[in-house]
Amino acid sequence: MKRMRIPGLPLPRSLRSGRAVTYLVLGITAVALYPVLVPVHVAVYGANAAIAMLLGLFAVGAPLVGVRRPTVAIVLFTASAALFPLASLGVTPVTAPWPWSVPMLIAFAVCTASLTFLHGWRTGLILIAFGVAAGMIASAIEPSIASANDIITTVAIVAGLYVIAALLAGRLRLGDELSSQRALTAQEQTRRELVEERTRIARELHDVVAHSMSLIQVQASTARYRVPDLPERALAEFEGIAATARTSLTEMRRILGVLRTEDQTAELAPQRGIDDIPALVETTRRAGAEVGLVQAVSDEIAPAAQIAAYRIVQEALSNAVRHAPGAAISVYVTTDAADLTLRVHNAPSDHPSGTPGGGHGLRGMGERAQLLGGSVEAGADADGGWTVVAHLPTAPPTDPSEATL
């Protein structure tokens, strides 16, 4: 036969972590109640001392057992609630509360409250039903003793504590669920940011590197037709270059397939660059931000540097709007003989939202700049604002080892 198991809810996280405190509180209650419960039933109700000690142990020990085994606790307390009145039949004074004494009423309330708080409303309701049934049976066995007032009072007190314990337990469990949901939301946000970054990298590889490799392959394959009278050795070299380019394109497609996730479709729009920064600023303005733009650049900027510049400005604007809502933002995009300089500054906000730099944005900006041999600096200003300054070479080194890593 399978052992009966009372359905219940898992312990709230705060109680699981403080189980020792729960045992301590219930243990102190049991130690304080037991020396009162047993003498009352022996002296007032005329119960046998040994039986009273055993049944009293069941009554005050049930909450302690119920921390881990609620079913056993219900059985123990129901047995004490049913046998205590029967142990006093024939000698019970009519004037004493019947079928439960006042200490037994307190033990009933403590057991109900603890089981409800720890294991949910179903467990507490089962204990109430079994306990009241035990008292009703005792009253039916000895109908000459008035018991209605005692049963009504006991049920009212126990039911009140039951409701309070159920509400408190529900509040704790709701808090645990909200904390879990916040953690899941944070994890999902991090995952989404990583997926978006991988998709951006895939687009940049496709638009810049794969496009260049395709040109190399086409030029090497058509060299024999565009340049007449090439020696066989040169033709063989060109064929080798074309084959290597085709192999590299195949590997590139494989890498793109790894970077792109199934829920991210390929974007067909051209990759953004320096010329798209004004449109980005205008979009930010339409969102309610006050953004100023100063852009003075030359035309000789490599595509990779343009893509990185656009993404850095995009991330810096996003951080400024998120962490300094309502603050004025200034964007400067300038070039000199060798460098492209980006500067995004936001004034102090009257309603700051967190501290910038807590996510992946600044790290992503720094990695983009470092891959091109540039740098990014970000930090708070003396006036309480925030400034991001990036320096990118207008012509990044063709050898990645030449970049400043």
Protein backbone atom coordinates (compact mmCIF):
# COMPACT_ATOMS: atom_id res chain seq x y z
CA MET A 1 0.00 0.00 0.00
CA LYS A 2 1.33 3.41 -0.94
CA ARG A 3 1.86 5.87 1.88
CA MET A 4 -0.63 8.75 1.87
CA ARG A 5 1.02 12.03 1.02
CA ILE A 6 -0.67 15.35 1.63
CA PRO A 7 -0.31 17.64 -1.41
CA GLY A 8 1.32 20.93 -0.59
CA LEU A 9 3.42 23.76 -1.89
CA PRO A 10 7.21 23.91 -1.67
CA LEU A 11 8.66 25.87 1.20
CA PRO A 12 9.26 29.54 0.41
CA ARG A 13 12.91 30.22 -0.37
CA SER A 14 13.24 32.47 2.66
CA LEU A 15 12.06 29.62 4.92
CA ARG A 16 14.24 27.01 3.23
CA SER A 17 17.28 29.17 3.91
CA GLY A 18 16.14 29.76 7.54
CA ARG A 19 14.96 26.26 8.42
CA ALA A 20 17.05 26.29 11.60
CA VAL A 21 15.21 29.40 12.78
CA THR A 22 11.87 27.67 12.09
CA TYR A 23 12.91 24.71 14.22
CA LEU A 24 14.09 27.05 16.97
CA VAL A 25 10.80 28.98 17.14
CA LEU A 26 8.65 25.84 17.10
CA GLY A 27 10.94 24.16 19.62
CA ILE A 28 10.68 27.06 22.07
CA THR A 29 6.89 27.00 21.68
CA ALA A 30 6.79 23.25 22.37
CA VAL A 31 9.04 23.55 25.45
CA ALA A 32 6.86 26.34 26.84
CA LEU A 33 3.55 24.58 26.13
CA TYR A 34 4.34 21.00 27.21
CA PRO A 35 4.86 21.72 30.98
CA VAL A 36 1.44 23.39 31.01
CA LEU A 37 -0.51 20.95 28.85
CA VAL A 38 0.37 17.75 30.73
CA PRO A 39 -0.27 18.99 34.32
CA VAL A 40 -3.60 20.54 33.29
CA HIS A 41 -4.86 17.24 31.88
CA VAL A 42 -3.59 15.28 34.86
CA ALA A 43 -4.80 17.63 37.62
CA VAL A 44 -7.95 19.11 36.10
CA TYR A 45 -9.16 16.36 33.76
CA GLY A 46 -7.91 13.38 35.77
CA ALA A 47 -5.98 11.79 32.89
CA ASN A 48 -3.34 9.15 33.55
CA ALA A 49 0.06 10.84 33.86
CA ALA A 50 1.89 8.49 31.49
CA ILE A 51 -0.85 8.75 28.85
CA ALA A 52 -1.01 12.52 29.26
CA MET A 53 2.75 12.82 28.81
CA LEU A 54 2.67 10.72 25.64
CA LEU A 55 -0.34 12.47 24.09
CA GLY A 56 1.06 15.86 25.09
CA LEU A 57 4.29 14.98 23.32
CA PHE A 58 2.27 14.17 20.20
CA ALA A 59 0.41 17.50 20.39
CA VAL A 60 3.38 19.83 20.94
CA GLY A 61 5.79 17.80 18.78
CA ALA A 62 3.53 17.67 15.71
CA PRO A 63 4.56 21.17 14.45
CA LEU A 64 8.25 20.22 14.68
CA VAL A 65 7.66 16.98 12.76
CA GLY A 66 5.52 18.88 10.26
CA VAL A 67 8.45 20.98 9.03
CA ARG A 68 9.54 18.02 6.89
CA ARG A 69 6.69 15.49 7.22
CA PRO A 70 3.29 17.20 7.28
CA THR A 71 1.37 13.93 6.90
CA VAL A 72 2.97 12.44 10.01
CA ALA A 73 2.27 15.66 11.89
CA ILE A 74 -1.43 15.51 11.01
CA VAL A 75 -1.63 11.91 12.21
CA LEU A 76 0.13 12.71 15.49
CA PHE A 77 -1.99 15.70 16.34
CA THR A 78 -5.25 14.04 15.32
CA ALA A 79 -4.40 11.10 17.59
CA SER A 80 -3.76 13.41 20.54
CA ALA A 81 -6.91 15.45 19.83
CA ALA A 82 -9.04 12.29 19.76
CA LEU A 83 -7.46 10.39 22.67
CA PHE A 84 -7.06 13.22 25.19
CA PRO A 85 -10.86 13.57 25.72
CA LEU A 86 -11.32 9.78 25.80
CA ALA A 87 -8.56 9.46 28.44
CA SER A 88 -10.58 11.76 30.70
CA LEU A 89 -14.02 10.16 30.36
CA GLY A 90 -15.73 9.53 33.69
CA VAL A 91 -13.61 11.98 35.69
CA THR A 92 -13.88 15.18 33.63
CA PRO A 93 -15.53 18.01 35.56
CA VAL A 94 -18.50 19.48 33.80
CA THR A 95 -17.15 22.98 34.35
CA ALA A 96 -13.87 22.33 32.46
CA PRO A 97 -13.65 23.15 28.73
CA TRP A 98 -14.58 20.10 26.68
CA PRO A 99 -13.44 18.31 24.51
CA TRP A 100 -10.21 20.36 24.52
CA SER A 101 -8.43 22.19 27.26
CA VAL A 102 -7.06 25.69 26.74
CA PRO A 103 -3.45 24.42 26.30
CA MET A 104 -4.74 21.89 23.77
CA LEU A 105 -6.54 24.68 21.92
CA ILE A 106 -3.23 26.62 21.75
CA ALA A 107 -1.42 23.51 20.49
CA PHE A 108 -4.11 23.06 17.82
CA ALA A 109 -3.71 26.67 16.68
CA VAL A 110 0.10 26.47 16.61
CA CYS A 111 0.10 23.23 14.61
CA THR A 112 -2.45 24.54 12.13
CA ALA A 113 -0.63 27.84 11.62
CA SER A 114 2.78 26.19 11.17
CA LEU A 115 1.59 23.54 8.68
CA THR A 116 -0.37 26.12 6.68
CA PHE A 117 2.53 28.54 6.63
CA LEU A 118 5.09 25.90 5.64
CA HIS A 119 3.09 23.66 3.30
CA GLY A 120 0.12 25.60 1.98
CA TRP A 121 -3.56 26.04 2.63
CA ARG A 122 -4.56 22.48 1.68
CA THR A 123 -2.40 20.94 4.40
CA GLY A 124 -3.74 23.31 7.04
CA LEU A 125 -7.32 22.71 5.97
CA ILE A 126 -6.86 18.94 6.25
CA LEU A 127 -5.50 19.31 9.78
CA ILE A 128 -8.47 21.48 10.80
CA ALA A 129 -10.91 18.94 9.36
CA PHE A 130 -9.28 15.99 11.13
CA GLY A 131 -8.89 17.88 14.42
CA VAL A 132 -12.49 19.11 14.50
CA ALA A 133 -13.73 15.63 13.53
CA ALA A 134 -11.80 14.18 16.49
CA GLY A 135 -13.43 16.67 18.84
CA MET A 136 -16.89 16.00 17.44
CA ILE A 137 -16.45 12.26 17.91
CA ALA A 138 -15.46 12.80 21.55
CA SER A 139 -18.50 15.02 22.05
CA ALA A 140 -20.76 12.40 20.49
CA ILE A 141 -19.37 9.70 22.79
CA GLU A 142 -20.12 11.80 25.89
CA PRO A 143 -23.10 14.03 24.97
CA SER A 144 -23.88 14.83 28.61
CA ILE A 145 -20.92 17.22 28.80
CA ALA A 146 -21.46 20.64 27.21
CA SER A 147 -19.03 21.01 24.32
CA ALA A 148 -20.61 23.35 21.77
CA ASN A 149 -19.07 26.57 23.13
CA ASP A 150 -15.60 25.04 23.32
CA ILE A 151 -15.78 23.64 19.79
CA ILE A 152 -17.07 26.92 18.34
CA THR A 153 -14.38 28.96 20.13
CA THR A 154 -11.63 26.57 19.08
CA VAL A 155 -12.75 26.50 15.44
CA ALA A 156 -12.99 30.30 15.32
CA ILE A 157 -9.50 30.85 16.76
CA VAL A 158 -7.87 28.12 14.68
CA ALA A 159 -9.61 29.27 11.50
CA GLY A 160 -8.48 32.86 12.08
CA LEU A 161 -4.85 31.83 12.51
CA TYR A 162 -5.22 29.54 9.49
CA VAL A 163 -6.29 32.46 7.28
CA ILE A 164 -3.46 34.67 8.56
CA ALA A 165 -0.85 31.94 7.98
CA ALA A 166 -2.18 31.21 4.49
CA LEU A 167 -2.01 34.90 3.54
CA LEU A 168 1.53 35.29 4.91
CA ALA A 169 2.73 32.14 3.15
CA GLY A 170 1.14 33.28 -0.10
CA ARG A 171 2.87 36.65 0.23
CA LEU A 172 6.26 34.98 0.74
CA ARG A 173 5.76 32.61 -2.19
CA LEU A 174 4.66 35.49 -4.39
CA GLY A 175 7.84 37.35 -3.44
CA ASP A 176 9.91 34.29 -4.33
CA GLU A 177 8.17 33.98 -7.69
CA LEU A 178 8.72 37.66 -8.45
CA SER A 179 12.42 37.32 -7.60
CA SER A 180 12.68 34.27 -9.86
CA GLN A 181 10.92 36.11 -12.66
CA ARG A 182 13.28 39.07 -12.29
CA ALA A 183 16.25 36.71 -12.52
CA LEU A 184 14.80 35.01 -15.60
CA THR A 185 14.07 38.39 -17.18
CA ALA A 186 17.65 39.51 -16.56
CA GLN A 187 18.98 36.28 -18.09
CA GLU A 188 16.70 36.66 -21.11
CA GLN A 189 17.79 40.28 -21.54
CA THR A 190 21.45 39.22 -21.47
CA ARG A 191 20.77 36.44 -23.95
CA ARG A 192 18.92 38.82 -26.26
CA GLU A 193 21.78 41.32 -26.16
CA LEU A 194 24.27 38.58 -27.00
CA VAL A 195 22.08 37.35 -29.87
CA GLU A 196 21.75 40.87 -31.25
CA GLU A 197 25.50 41.38 -31.03
CA ARG A 198 26.15 38.10 -32.83
CA THR A 199 23.72 39.11 -35.55
CA ARG A 200 25.45 42.46 -35.97
CA ILE A 201 28.82 40.74 -36.24
CA ALA A 202 27.38 38.37 -38.82
CA ARG A 203 26.08 41.28 -40.87
CA GLU A 204 29.41 43.06 -40.72
CA LEU A 205 31.28 39.91 -41.76
CA HIS A 206 28.85 39.45 -44.64
CA ASP A 207 28.87 43.07 -45.80
CA VAL A 208 32.60 43.76 -45.48
CA VAL A 209 34.75 40.64 -45.35
CA ALA A 210 32.63 38.34 -47.51
CA HIS A 211 32.13 41.08 -50.09
CA SER A 212 35.87 41.67 -50.32
CA MET A 213 36.59 37.94 -50.60
CA SER A 214 34.06 37.68 -53.42
CA LEU A 215 35.85 40.46 -55.31
CA ILE A 216 39.18 38.70 -54.84
CA GLN A 217 37.75 35.44 -56.14
CA VAL A 218 36.16 37.10 -59.17
CA GLN A 219 39.29 39.08 -60.04
CA ALA A 220 41.53 36.04 -59.70
CA SER A 221 39.20 33.85 -61.76
CA THR A 222 38.88 36.38 -64.58
CA ALA A 223 42.54 37.41 -64.70
CA ARG A 224 43.25 35.11 -67.71
CA TYR A 225 40.53 36.94 -69.68
CA ARG A 226 41.36 40.47 -68.61
CA VAL A 227 45.12 40.30 -68.89
CA PRO A 228 46.33 38.71 -72.13
CA ASP A 229 49.47 36.63 -72.55
CA LEU A 230 49.87 35.65 -68.88
CA PRO A 231 52.46 32.94 -68.35
CA GLU A 232 51.26 29.57 -67.15
CA ARG A 233 52.91 30.04 -63.78
CA ALA A 234 51.03 33.30 -63.21
CA LEU A 235 47.78 31.66 -64.31
CA ALA A 236 48.37 28.88 -61.81
CA GLU A 237 48.94 31.43 -59.06
CA PHE A 238 45.70 33.20 -59.94
CA GLU A 239 43.83 29.90 -59.94
CA GLY A 240 45.28 29.13 -56.52
CA ILE A 241 44.17 32.53 -55.22
CA ALA A 242 40.68 31.98 -56.63
CA ALA A 243 40.47 28.52 -55.02
CA THR A 244 41.63 29.86 -51.67
CA ALA A 245 39.08 32.66 -51.90
CA ARG A 246 36.30 30.19 -52.66
CA THR A 247 37.34 28.05 -49.70
CA SER A 248 37.43 31.11 -47.46
CA LEU A 249 33.95 32.12 -48.61
CA THR A 250 32.68 28.65 -47.76
CA GLU A 251 34.18 28.90 -44.27
CA MET A 252 32.76 32.39 -43.94
CA ARG A 253 29.27 31.12 -44.74
CA ARG A 254 29.71 28.40 -42.12
CA ILE A 255 30.73 30.98 -39.51
CA LEU A 256 27.78 33.17 -40.46
CA GLY A 257 25.50 30.18 -40.02
CA VAL A 258 26.85 29.68 -36.50
CA LEU A 259 26.52 33.34 -35.58
CA ARG A 260 23.00 33.71 -36.89
CA THR A 261 20.36 32.08 -34.74
CA GLU A 262 17.25 30.39 -36.07
CA ASP A 263 15.03 33.21 -34.84
CA GLN A 264 17.14 35.87 -36.53
CA THR A 265 16.50 36.29 -40.25
CA ALA A 266 19.11 37.86 -42.48
CA GLU A 267 18.70 41.62 -42.86
CA LEU A 268 18.82 42.83 -46.44
CA ALA A 269 19.34 46.50 -45.66
CA PRO A 270 22.85 47.85 -46.37
CA GLN A 271 25.20 48.19 -43.42
CA ARG A 272 25.15 51.54 -41.63
CA GLY A 273 27.98 54.02 -41.81
CA ILE A 274 29.02 57.62 -41.09
CA ASP A 275 26.38 59.06 -43.42
CA ASP A 276 23.64 57.37 -41.40
CA ILE A 277 24.57 59.03 -38.08
CA PRO A 278 22.37 62.13 -38.76
CA ALA A 279 19.36 59.84 -39.30
CA LEU A 280 20.23 58.01 -36.07
CA VAL A 281 20.35 61.31 -34.19
CA GLU A 282 17.02 62.37 -35.70
CA THR A 283 15.44 59.09 -34.59
CA THR A 284 16.70 59.73 -31.05
CA ARG A 285 15.22 63.22 -31.15
CA ARG A 286 11.85 61.84 -32.18
CA ALA A 287 12.00 59.62 -29.09
CA GLY A 288 12.02 62.81 -26.99
CA ALA A 289 15.73 63.37 -26.37
CA GLU A 290 17.51 66.69 -26.94
CA VAL A 291 20.44 65.78 -29.19
CA GLY A 292 22.90 68.07 -30.96
CA LEU A 293 25.15 66.87 -33.79
CA VAL A 294 28.39 68.28 -35.15
CA GLN A 295 29.79 66.21 -38.02
CA ALA A 296 32.80 67.17 -40.10
CA VAL A 297 34.44 64.18 -41.76
CA SER A 298 36.37 63.39 -44.90
CA ASP A 299 35.33 60.90 -47.52
CA GLU A 300 38.38 58.68 -47.05
CA ILE A 301 37.11 56.42 -44.27
CA ALA A 302 37.30 52.64 -44.54
CA PRO A 303 33.97 50.73 -44.46
CA ALA A 304 34.95 48.83 -41.31
CA ALA A 305 35.71 52.11 -39.50
CA GLN A 306 32.38 53.57 -40.65
CA ILE A 307 30.43 50.57 -39.36
CA ALA A 308 32.22 50.68 -36.01
CA ALA A 309 31.66 54.45 -35.74
CA TYR A 310 27.94 54.10 -36.35
CA ARG A 311 27.59 51.29 -33.81
CA ILE A 312 29.58 53.16 -31.15
CA VAL A 313 27.47 56.30 -31.55
CA GLN A 314 24.31 54.17 -31.53
CA GLU A 315 25.28 52.43 -28.28
CA ALA A 316 26.43 55.68 -26.64
CA LEU A 317 23.13 57.40 -27.50
CA SER A 318 21.19 54.40 -26.20
CA ASN A 319 23.09 54.48 -22.91
CA ALA A 320 22.59 58.24 -22.54
CA VAL A 321 18.84 58.01 -23.13
CA ARG A 322 18.51 55.00 -20.80
CA HIS A 323 20.64 56.20 -17.89
CA ALA A 324 20.15 59.99 -18.13
CA PRO A 325 16.57 60.55 -19.29
CA GLY A 326 15.81 64.15 -20.18
CA ALA A 327 19.47 65.24 -20.28
CA ALA A 328 20.85 67.14 -23.27
CA ILE A 329 23.15 65.07 -25.48
CA SER A 330 25.93 66.29 -27.78
CA VAL A 331 27.45 64.20 -30.58
CA TYR A 332 30.71 65.19 -32.30
CA VAL A 333 32.06 63.26 -35.31
CA THR A 334 35.32 64.64 -36.70
CA THR A 335 38.39 63.45 -38.58
CA ASP A 336 41.99 64.53 -38.91
CA ALA A 337 44.83 63.19 -40.99
CA ALA A 338 44.65 59.63 -39.65
CA ASP A 339 41.90 59.30 -37.03
CA LEU A 340 38.15 59.43 -36.78
CA THR A 341 37.08 60.88 -33.42
CA LEU A 342 33.68 60.29 -31.86
CA ARG A 343 32.52 62.13 -28.75
CA VAL A 344 29.10 61.62 -27.16
CA HIS A 345 28.38 63.68 -24.03
CA ASN A 346 25.24 63.88 -21.94
CA ALA A 347 24.59 66.51 -19.31
CA PRO A 348 23.52 65.56 -15.76
CA SER A 349 19.97 64.24 -15.51
CA ASP A 350 17.38 65.23 -12.96
CA HIS A 351 16.12 61.64 -12.98
CA PRO A 352 19.15 59.36 -13.36
CA SER A 353 18.41 55.67 -13.90
CA GLY A 354 21.27 53.53 -12.59
CA THR A 355 24.95 53.89 -13.30
CA PRO A 356 26.20 53.68 -16.90
CA GLY A 357 28.60 50.91 -17.69
CA GLY A 358 26.85 48.03 -15.95
CA GLY A 359 26.03 46.05 -19.13
CA HIS A 360 27.66 44.83 -22.31
CA GLY A 361 27.48 48.15 -24.18
CA LEU A 362 30.78 49.72 -23.15
CA ARG A 363 32.61 46.44 -23.51
CA GLY A 364 31.19 45.99 -27.00
CA MET A 365 32.25 49.49 -28.00
CA GLY A 366 35.76 48.88 -26.71
CA GLU A 367 36.06 45.57 -28.57
CA ARG A 368 34.93 47.16 -31.84
CA ALA A 369 37.51 49.92 -31.51
CA GLN A 370 40.32 47.56 -30.50
CA LEU A 371 39.71 45.31 -33.51
CA LEU A 372 40.46 48.31 -35.72
CA GLY A 373 43.42 49.52 -33.70
CA GLY A 374 41.45 52.27 -31.94
CA SER A 375 40.33 52.96 -28.40
CA VAL A 376 37.28 53.98 -26.37
CA GLU A 377 37.24 55.95 -23.13
CA ALA A 378 34.11 56.48 -21.05
CA GLY A 379 33.51 58.02 -17.68
CA ALA A 380 31.71 60.55 -15.53
CA ASP A 381 32.49 64.26 -15.85
CA ALA A 382 33.09 66.72 -13.06
CA ASP A 383 29.66 68.27 -13.69
CA GLY A 384 27.91 64.92 -13.19
CA GLY A 385 27.48 64.12 -16.86
CA TRP A 386 28.90 61.24 -18.87
CA THR A 387 31.21 61.26 -21.88
CA VAL A 388 32.22 58.56 -24.35
CA VAL A 389 35.23 59.32 -26.58
CA ALA A 390 36.33 56.93 -29.33
CA HIS A 391 39.33 57.17 -31.64
CA LEU A 392 39.29 55.01 -34.78
CA PRO A 393 41.84 54.93 -37.58
CA THR A 394 40.30 56.07 -40.85
CA ALA A 395 42.30 53.29 -42.56
CA PRO A 396 42.50 50.32 -40.16
CA PRO A 397 45.54 48.04 -40.52
CA THR A 398 45.02 45.12 -42.89
CA ASP A 399 46.91 42.80 -40.52
CA PRO A 400 44.92 42.25 -37.30
CA SER A 401 48.18 41.79 -35.39
CA GLU A 402 48.98 45.43 -36.07
CA ALA A 403 45.90 46.58 -34.15
CA THR A 404 46.25 47.72 -30.57
CA LEU A 405 44.81 44.86 -28.51
